[in-house]
Amino acid sequence: MENENEEKPAEKKKGRGGRKPKPAQELASEEIKFRVTEKDYKKLDDWFRQSSYRHKSEMYHDIMFHQKLALRDSTNVLLATEMQHLVREIKAIGTNYNQVVKKINSLTDGRPVPPEVAKLVELTAQLGKAQNEFHTILLQLREKWLQG
């Protein structure tokens, strides 16, 4: 029979994951409440919807203590949307391109099949054009982000 006075080995505590807690001096412990007019509230709400903030309290904190407001740039949103469209287009062209290449490789008699070769040339030109557009947009984004 086991001795009841023996200590059991301590079980390992499983970490919860997530981000590390802030140091005590950085924790916000005080709450500020204030009232605004309906007009001012709508103005603040409009600013929030146009901003890149995830929470209104972050925006209010930046406005009050850092005198700044991070607004979303509609140009970046439009460029990112166009970039996503080009990525989809490049993927579709690449899929077609691979299908044509597989067809050519599957020919065992060694004779090129003119329709597939012509399609391959056409797809290569489309791919080059899409890549150039994509590169131009990336350069515009790079310039925009480096400026601001």
Foldseek 3Di string as FASTA:
>chain_A
DDDPPDDDDDDDDDDPDDDDDDPPVPDDDDDDDDDDDPVVVVVLVVLVVQAPDPDSVVQVCCCVPVVDRHGDDVVVVVLVVVLVVLVVVLVVLVVVLVVLVVVQVPDDVPDGDVVSVVVNVVSVVVNVVSVVVNVVSVVVVVVVVVVD
